[in-house]
Each structure stands twice: as C-alpha cells, then as structure tokens.
Amino acid sequence: MLTVAVLLAVGVELHVVHLQPSEGHLAVREIFLLQKDGGSGELRFFVPEAAEGNLRVTVQKSQGSPEERTPRRTRQKGVYALDVSVPPGETRIDLTYVVPLAGSRTFSGKVLFQGGPTRLVAPTGFALEGEGLESLGEDPSERASIYGVQGAEYQVRIREADAAESSEPQIQQILPRVYDHLLWILAPTLLALLLLFILYWLKGKAADESR
C-alpha cells in the first residue's frame, strides 16, 4: 500500500516532471513550487533506485541564491525526505537525476504529497503514453507537450512523436564550422529558460483551474 506523505504546514502548489530522453539515458528534472503560506515542514519524494547515485537537490527561495541540499533516506525504498522552511514569497525545490532508458523506454514515478497538480513534460519530438495520463496539449512556445497525472503512481512510455510529412522541398542551410559546437554551448541555458517558461505557464493554468 502506498503511503501518501503530506508536506506539513506548507503545501505544494505545482509539481512538474520534465523528461529529456537521449541515447540510452533519461535526464529528469522535477520541480516543486511550494505554497506561499510560510511555515516549515517536510517534503517527501520518490527517486528511482537507478538514480540514487546522481541525485541533486537545490532549494531556491524568493530571496537569495539556490542552495544545494542533501535529503535523507526514509525506511521506504526510493523515498527521501527534505526539511524545508518557507518564508513569504515563492520557494522552489529542484530535483535532477539521470536514469538508464532501457528498451521498454518506460519511466515510473510516485506522487507523495497532497496539494497542487502533477504535470509531465516531454520535449518536442517525443510523446508519452500510459494509463491515467491526460494529454493537455502543447505549451504556447510549442516546444514541449504537457500531460496530467491521475493517481499517486504513474508509469509512462516515451516514444518518438510521429513526424509530419511534408511534400515541400526542404532547404538545407550550411553554417560555418563554428556553429558545430554552438548548440552544446547554448543548450543548458536555452533548456533552463524553456523550463522556466513552461513552469510559470503551468502555474498560471493551475491557478485558473482552482478558481
């Protein structure tokens, strides 16, 4: 039986799980936006066993720089706990980790809090399938697909989205060699900006739905 953990004295406003598949691996970023009620409490979250060696947790409050924190293991397999204090303003907790992406191309997670919705995000070119998964369409930038999660546990299969066929001829642009490495230089920054855009767009949608 799954034990549902509660974030005491504070609540989760929004939980976003961004899945970034690559050859043989899956990079995961989970973002928790905490409610602005103040107080302190404990956040519990699930991390796949394969990710336990590379888990990184940072806490970003409305004032100050991101602070890296070390969560503690609980007696439940794969479940960690983090003590947090929530001052007035926005508090954000980020989890990042990488897991192998086997031939089944599946990812499983658990929702261990009571509060706002959980949203899964797949980058352009990929789609998610799974029981209890609700497609919410694309974000306004059309760079990612958004899915809603029903229930306390979920398992999704990651597949490549069907490419739209076009009868129009494709124009190939040949760039100087300096651009060969430009994508790798800019990718982390562009991804961070895209995630922030999606996060706050989803936050606004969640607020509208709760009215």
C-alpha atoms as a PDB file:
ATOM      1  CA  MET A   1       0.000   0.000   0.000  1.00  0.00           C
ATOM      2  CA  LEU A   2       1.384   3.411  -0.959  1.00  0.00           C
ATOM      3  CA  THR A   3       1.748   5.832   1.928  1.00  0.00           C
ATOM      4  CA  VAL A   4       0.813   9.349   0.910  1.00  0.00           C
ATOM      5  CA  ALA A   5       3.155  11.816   2.576  1.00  0.00           C
ATOM      6  CA  VAL A   6       1.954  15.298   3.494  1.00  0.00           C
ATOM      7  CA  LEU A   7       4.071  18.429   3.384  1.00  0.00           C
ATOM      8  CA  LEU A   8       3.318  19.631   6.906  1.00  0.00           C
ATOM      9  CA  ALA A   9       2.450  23.303   7.463  1.00  0.00           C
ATOM     10  CA  VAL A  10       3.142  24.138   3.822  1.00  0.00           C
ATOM     11  CA  GLY A  11       1.719  22.772   0.604  1.00  0.00           C
ATOM     12  CA  VAL A  12       2.786  22.003  -2.940  1.00  0.00           C
ATOM     13  CA  GLU A  13       1.268  24.422  -5.433  1.00  0.00           C
ATOM     14  CA  LEU A  14       2.603  22.685  -8.548  1.00  0.00           C
ATOM     15  CA  HIS A  15       4.784  19.659  -9.363  1.00  0.00           C
ATOM     16  CA  VAL A  16       6.397  19.469 -12.815  1.00  0.00           C
ATOM     17  CA  VAL A  17       8.413  16.493 -14.099  1.00  0.00           C
ATOM     18  CA  HIS A  18      10.454  17.226 -17.232  1.00  0.00           C
ATOM     19  CA  LEU A  19      11.702  14.152 -19.129  1.00  0.00           C
ATOM     20  CA  GLN A  20      14.607  14.600 -21.534  1.00  0.00           C
ATOM     21  CA  PRO A  21      15.472  11.333 -23.325  1.00  0.00           C
ATOM     22  CA  SER A  22      18.805  10.785 -25.026  1.00  0.00           C
ATOM     23  CA  GLU A  23      20.551   7.728 -26.376  1.00  0.00           C
ATOM     24  CA  GLY A  24      20.298   5.135 -23.620  1.00  0.00           C
ATOM     25  CA  HIS A  25      19.587   7.626 -20.809  1.00  0.00           C
ATOM     26  CA  LEU A  26      16.808   9.786 -19.426  1.00  0.00           C
ATOM     27  CA  ALA A  27      17.552  13.098 -17.713  1.00  0.00           C
ATOM     28  CA  VAL A  28      14.818  14.038 -15.238  1.00  0.00           C
ATOM     29  CA  ARG A  29      14.150  17.394 -13.602  1.00  0.00           C
ATOM     30  CA  GLU A  30      11.381  17.531 -11.000  1.00  0.00           C
ATOM     31  CA  ILE A  31      10.263  20.941  -9.816  1.00  0.00           C
ATOM     32  CA  PHE A  32       8.132  21.604  -6.737  1.00  0.00           C
ATOM     33  CA  LEU A  33       6.625  25.055  -6.276  1.00  0.00           C
ATOM     34  CA  LEU A  34       5.585  25.445  -2.642  1.00  0.00           C
ATOM     35  CA  GLN A  35       2.584  27.416  -1.480  1.00  0.00           C
ATOM     36  CA  LYS A  36       3.309  30.831  -0.036  1.00  0.00           C
ATOM     37  CA  ASP A  37       1.708  30.291   3.358  1.00  0.00           C
ATOM     38  CA  GLY A  38       5.002  30.337   5.230  1.00  0.00           C
ATOM     39  CA  GLY A  39       5.933  27.916   7.995  1.00  0.00           C
ATOM     40  CA  SER A  40       8.089  24.819   7.818  1.00  0.00           C
ATOM     41  CA  GLY A  41       7.650  21.131   7.199  1.00  0.00           C
ATOM     42  CA  GLU A  42       8.873  18.054   5.390  1.00  0.00           C
ATOM     43  CA  LEU A  43       8.711  17.245   1.692  1.00  0.00           C
ATOM     44  CA  ARG A  44       8.875  13.582   0.713  1.00  0.00           C
ATOM     45  CA  PHE A  45       9.590  12.476  -2.829  1.00  0.00           C
ATOM     46  CA  PHE A  46      10.319   9.287  -4.750  1.00  0.00           C
ATOM     47  CA  VAL A  47      13.505   8.713  -6.751  1.00  0.00           C
ATOM     48  CA  PRO A  48      14.109   5.604  -8.909  1.00  0.00           C
ATOM     49  CA  GLU A  49      16.745   3.312  -7.475  1.00  0.00           C
ATOM     50  CA  ALA A  50      18.971   3.743 -10.534  1.00  0.00           C
ATOM     51  CA  ALA A  51      19.213   7.487  -9.855  1.00  0.00           C
ATOM     52  CA  GLU A  52      20.280   7.386  -6.236  1.00  0.00           C
ATOM     53  CA  GLY A  53      23.954   7.890  -7.078  1.00  0.00           C
ATOM     54  CA  ASN A  54      23.478  11.118  -9.022  1.00  0.00           C
ATOM     55  CA  LEU A  55      20.548  12.820  -7.299  1.00  0.00           C
ATOM     56  CA  ARG A  56      20.971  16.558  -6.807  1.00  0.00           C
ATOM     57  CA  VAL A  57      18.571  18.748  -4.820  1.00  0.00           C
ATOM     58  CA  THR A  58      18.532  22.546  -4.773  1.00  0.00           C
ATOM     59  CA  VAL A  59      16.249  24.949  -2.920  1.00  0.00           C
ATOM     60  CA  GLN A  60      15.557  28.395  -4.362  1.00  0.00           C
ATOM     61  CA  LYS A  61      13.747  30.955  -2.224  1.00  0.00           C
ATOM     62  CA  SER A  62      12.437  34.323  -3.338  1.00  0.00           C
ATOM     63  CA  GLN A  63      15.415  35.949  -1.659  1.00  0.00           C
ATOM     64  CA  GLY A  64      18.909  34.536  -2.046  1.00  0.00           C
ATOM     65  CA  SER A  65      20.801  32.151  -4.304  1.00  0.00           C
ATOM     66  CA  PRO A  66      19.982  28.483  -4.939  1.00  0.00           C
ATOM     67  CA  GLU A  67      21.132  26.284  -2.059  1.00  0.00           C
ATOM     68  CA  GLU A  68      22.167  22.693  -2.617  1.00  0.00           C
ATOM     69  CA  ARG A  69      20.725  20.347  -0.005  1.00  0.00           C
ATOM     70  CA  THR A  70      21.170  16.697   0.928  1.00  0.00           C
ATOM     71  CA  PRO A  71      17.871  14.861   1.563  1.00  0.00           C
ATOM     72  CA  ARG A  72      17.703  11.978   3.991  1.00  0.00           C
ATOM     73  CA  ARG A  73      16.615   8.457   3.159  1.00  0.00           C
ATOM     74  CA  THR A  74      13.474   7.093   4.738  1.00  0.00           C
ATOM     75  CA  ARG A  75      12.630   3.492   5.532  1.00  0.00           C
ATOM     76  CA  GLN A  76      10.561   3.302   2.349  1.00  0.00           C
ATOM     77  CA  LYS A  77      12.518   2.182  -0.697  1.00  0.00           C
ATOM     78  CA  GLY A  78      13.268   5.056  -3.035  1.00  0.00           C
ATOM     79  CA  VAL A  79      11.630   7.659  -0.775  1.00  0.00           C
ATOM     80  CA  TYR A  80      13.582  10.669   0.501  1.00  0.00           C
ATOM     81  CA  ALA A  81      12.647  13.460   2.883  1.00  0.00           C
ATOM     82  CA  LEU A  82      13.757  17.083   2.935  1.00  0.00           C
ATOM     83  CA  ASP A  83      13.114  19.543   5.748  1.00  0.00           C
ATOM     84  CA  VAL A  84      12.145  22.943   4.383  1.00  0.00           C
ATOM     85  CA  SER A  85      11.180  26.318   5.745  1.00  0.00           C
ATOM     86  CA  VAL A  86       9.011  28.502   3.571  1.00  0.00           C
ATOM     87  CA  PRO A  87       9.329  32.248   4.081  1.00  0.00           C
ATOM     88  CA  PRO A  88       6.863  34.628   2.450  1.00  0.00           C
ATOM     89  CA  GLY A  89       7.280  34.583  -1.304  1.00  0.00           C
ATOM     90  CA  GLU A  90       7.989  31.749  -3.692  1.00  0.00           C
ATOM     91  CA  THR A  91      10.033  28.687  -2.743  1.00  0.00           C
ATOM     92  CA  ARG A  92      11.101  26.220  -5.413  1.00  0.00           C
ATOM     93  CA  ILE A  93      12.739  22.809  -4.994  1.00  0.00           C
ATOM     94  CA  ASP A  94      14.511  21.181  -7.937  1.00  0.00           C
ATOM     95  CA  LEU A  95      15.497  17.520  -8.198  1.00  0.00           C
ATOM     96  CA  THR A  96      17.760  16.450 -11.043  1.00  0.00           C
ATOM     97  CA  TYR A  97      18.957  12.948 -11.842  1.00  0.00           C
ATOM     98  CA  VAL A  98      19.723  10.611 -14.735  1.00  0.00           C
ATOM     99  CA  VAL A  99      18.479   7.025 -15.148  1.00  0.00           C
ATOM    100  CA  PRO A 100      19.133   4.418 -17.848  1.00  0.00           C
ATOM    101  CA  LEU A 101      16.495   4.278 -20.571  1.00  0.00           C
ATOM    102  CA  ALA A 102      16.020   0.615 -21.389  1.00  0.00           C
ATOM    103  CA  GLY A 103      14.437  -0.869 -24.489  1.00  0.00           C
ATOM    104  CA  SER A 104      10.970  -0.545 -22.981  1.00  0.00           C
ATOM    105  CA  ARG A 105      11.568   3.228 -22.713  1.00  0.00           C
ATOM    106  CA  THR A 106       9.429   3.492 -19.585  1.00  0.00           C
ATOM    107  CA  PHE A 107       9.625   5.789 -16.575  1.00  0.00           C
ATOM    108  CA  SER A 108       7.787   5.328 -13.278  1.00  0.00           C
ATOM    109  CA  GLY A 109       7.099   7.807 -10.509  1.00  0.00           C
ATOM    110  CA  LYS A 110       5.077   8.400  -7.361  1.00  0.00           C
ATOM    111  CA  VAL A 111       3.291  11.455  -6.018  1.00  0.00           C
ATOM    112  CA  LEU A 112       3.955  11.643  -2.269  1.00  0.00           C
ATOM    113  CA  PHE A 113       2.206  14.861  -1.352  1.00  0.00           C
ATOM    114  CA  GLN A 114      -1.231  16.406  -1.184  1.00  0.00           C
ATOM    115  CA  GLY A 115      -1.767  19.692  -2.922  1.00  0.00           C
ATOM    116  CA  GLY A 116      -1.489  21.013  -6.441  1.00  0.00           C
ATOM    117  CA  PRO A 117      -1.369  19.033  -9.694  1.00  0.00           C
ATOM    118  CA  THR A 118       1.472  16.999 -11.168  1.00  0.00           C
ATOM    119  CA  ARG A 119       2.376  17.664 -14.797  1.00  0.00           C
ATOM    120  CA  LEU A 120       4.697  15.660 -17.028  1.00  0.00           C
ATOM    121  CA  VAL A 121       6.576  17.467 -19.790  1.00  0.00           C
ATOM    122  CA  ALA A 122       8.055  15.820 -22.894  1.00  0.00           C
ATOM    123  CA  PRO A 123      10.260  17.848 -25.270  1.00  0.00           C
ATOM    124  CA  THR A 124       9.350  18.404 -28.878  1.00  0.00           C
ATOM    125  CA  GLY A 125       9.731  15.247 -30.934  1.00  0.00           C
ATOM    126  CA  PHE A 126       8.595  12.931 -28.131  1.00  0.00           C
ATOM    127  CA  ALA A 127       5.249  11.796 -26.722  1.00  0.00           C
ATOM    128  CA  LEU A 128       4.158   9.969 -23.554  1.00  0.00           C
ATOM    129  CA  GLU A 129       1.726   7.063 -23.216  1.00  0.00           C
ATOM    130  CA  GLY A 130       0.354   5.492 -20.061  1.00  0.00           C
ATOM    131  CA  GLU A 131      -2.713   4.586 -18.037  1.00  0.00           C
ATOM    132  CA  GLY A 132      -4.321   7.555 -16.328  1.00  0.00           C
ATOM    133  CA  LEU A 133      -2.299  10.013 -18.420  1.00  0.00           C
ATOM    134  CA  GLU A 134      -4.173  13.018 -19.816  1.00  0.00           C
ATOM    135  CA  SER A 135      -2.796  14.979 -22.757  1.00  0.00           C
ATOM    136  CA  LEU A 136      -3.099  18.710 -22.100  1.00  0.00           C
ATOM    137  CA  GLY A 137      -1.641  19.809 -25.426  1.00  0.00           C
ATOM    138  CA  GLU A 138       1.461  21.884 -26.076  1.00  0.00           C
ATOM    139  CA  ASP A 139       2.787  24.899 -24.248  1.00  0.00           C
ATOM    140  CA  PRO A 140       2.426  28.233 -26.097  1.00  0.00           C
ATOM    141  CA  SER A 141       6.006  28.033 -27.382  1.00  0.00           C
ATOM    142  CA  GLU A 142       5.164  24.644 -28.981  1.00  0.00           C
ATOM    143  CA  ARG A 143       8.455  23.283 -27.689  1.00  0.00           C
ATOM    144  CA  ALA A 144       7.002  20.709 -25.303  1.00  0.00           C
ATOM    145  CA  SER A 145       3.937  18.500 -24.735  1.00  0.00           C
ATOM    146  CA  ILE A 146       2.159  18.649 -21.371  1.00  0.00           C
ATOM    147  CA  TYR A 147       0.399  15.750 -19.615  1.00  0.00           C
ATOM    148  CA  GLY A 148      -1.675  15.496 -16.467  1.00  0.00           C
ATOM    149  CA  VAL A 149      -1.244  12.637 -13.987  1.00  0.00           C
ATOM    150  CA  GLN A 150      -4.138  10.935 -12.230  1.00  0.00           C
ATOM    151  CA  GLY A 151      -3.423   8.952  -9.079  1.00  0.00           C
ATOM    152  CA  ALA A 152      -0.485   8.576  -6.720  1.00  0.00           C
ATOM    153  CA  GLU A 153       1.594   6.354  -9.023  1.00  0.00           C
ATOM    154  CA  TYR A 154       2.247   6.515 -12.733  1.00  0.00           C
ATOM    155  CA  GLN A 155       4.209   4.730 -15.427  1.00  0.00           C
ATOM    156  CA  VAL A 156       4.726   6.220 -18.865  1.00  0.00           C
ATOM    157  CA  ARG A 157       6.274   5.010 -22.083  1.00  0.00           C
ATOM    158  CA  ILE A 158       8.366   7.515 -24.001  1.00  0.00           C
ATOM    159  CA  ARG A 159       8.119   7.293 -27.760  1.00  0.00           C
ATOM    160  CA  GLU A 160       9.177   9.437 -30.654  1.00  0.00           C
ATOM    161  CA  ALA A 161       6.318  11.571 -31.915  1.00  0.00           C
ATOM    162  CA  ASP A 162       5.110  10.961 -35.450  1.00  0.00           C
ATOM    163  CA  ALA A 163       6.821  13.411 -37.738  1.00  0.00           C
ATOM    164  CA  ALA A 164       4.503  15.347 -40.023  1.00  0.00           C
ATOM    165  CA  GLU A 165       5.201  14.518 -43.640  1.00  0.00           C
ATOM    166  CA  SER A 166       5.657  17.428 -45.982  1.00  0.00           C
ATOM    167  CA  SER A 167       5.635  17.405 -49.750  1.00  0.00           C
ATOM    168  CA  GLU A 168       7.519  20.680 -49.899  1.00  0.00           C
ATOM    169  CA  PRO A 169      11.234  20.542 -50.668  1.00  0.00           C
ATOM    170  CA  GLN A 170      13.485  21.133 -47.664  1.00  0.00           C
ATOM    171  CA  ILE A 171      16.107  23.878 -47.759  1.00  0.00           C
ATOM    172  CA  GLN A 172      19.366  22.959 -46.079  1.00  0.00           C
ATOM    173  CA  GLN A 173      21.325  25.777 -44.523  1.00  0.00           C
ATOM    174  CA  ILE A 174      25.064  25.195 -44.310  1.00  0.00           C
ATOM    175  CA  LEU A 175      26.636  27.049 -41.406  1.00  0.00           C
ATOM    176  CA  PRO A 176      30.293  27.746 -40.705  1.00  0.00           C
ATOM    177  CA  ARG A 177      32.116  25.197 -38.551  1.00  0.00           C
ATOM    178  CA  VAL A 178      31.997  27.487 -35.532  1.00  0.00           C
ATOM    179  CA  TYR A 179      28.286  26.651 -35.262  1.00  0.00           C
ATOM    180  CA  ASP A 180      29.011  22.928 -34.884  1.00  0.00           C
ATOM    181  CA  HIS A 181      29.537  23.389 -31.133  1.00  0.00           C
ATOM    182  CA  LEU A 182      27.165  26.290 -30.609  1.00  0.00           C
ATOM    183  CA  LEU A 183      24.211  24.047 -29.723  1.00  0.00           C
ATOM    184  CA  TRP A 184      26.164  22.323 -26.952  1.00  0.00           C
ATOM    185  CA  ILE A 185      27.256  25.703 -25.577  1.00  0.00           C
ATOM    186  CA  LEU A 186      23.775  27.219 -25.570  1.00  0.00           C
ATOM    187  CA  ALA A 187      21.688  24.103 -24.823  1.00  0.00           C
ATOM    188  CA  PRO A 188      21.822  24.263 -20.977  1.00  0.00           C
ATOM    189  CA  THR A 189      20.835  27.934 -20.923  1.00  0.00           C
ATOM    190  CA  LEU A 190      18.087  27.521 -23.511  1.00  0.00           C
ATOM    191  CA  LEU A 191      16.697  24.475 -21.693  1.00  0.00           C
ATOM    192  CA  ALA A 192      16.656  26.339 -18.376  1.00  0.00           C
ATOM    193  CA  LEU A 193      14.793  29.259 -19.942  1.00  0.00           C
ATOM    194  CA  LEU A 194      12.305  26.926 -21.611  1.00  0.00           C
ATOM    195  CA  LEU A 195      11.654  25.105 -18.337  1.00  0.00           C
ATOM    196  CA  LEU A 196      11.050  28.399 -16.538  1.00  0.00           C
ATOM    197  CA  PHE A 197       8.616  29.465 -19.241  1.00  0.00           C
ATOM    198  CA  ILE A 198       6.718  26.169 -19.031  1.00  0.00           C
ATOM    199  CA  LEU A 199       6.762  26.193 -15.233  1.00  0.00           C
ATOM    200  CA  TYR A 200       5.163  29.595 -14.862  1.00  0.00           C
ATOM    201  CA  TRP A 201       2.717  28.957 -17.681  1.00  0.00           C
ATOM    202  CA  LEU A 202       1.577  25.805 -15.874  1.00  0.00           C
ATOM    203  CA  LYS A 203       1.421  27.710 -12.616  1.00  0.00           C
ATOM    204  CA  GLY A 204      -0.970  30.182 -14.185  1.00  0.00           C
ATOM    205  CA  LYS A 205      -3.082  27.367 -15.643  1.00  0.00           C
ATOM    206  CA  ALA A 206      -3.250  25.628 -12.240  1.00  0.00           C
ATOM    207  CA  ALA A 207      -4.355  28.863 -10.599  1.00  0.00           C
ATOM    208  CA  ASP A 208      -7.118  29.324 -13.189  1.00  0.00           C
ATOM    209  CA  GLU A 209      -8.347  25.740 -12.705  1.00  0.00           C
ATOM    210  CA  SER A 210      -8.539  26.156  -8.922  1.00  0.00           C
ATOM    211  CA  ARG A 211     -10.852  29.175  -9.158  1.00  0.00           C
END
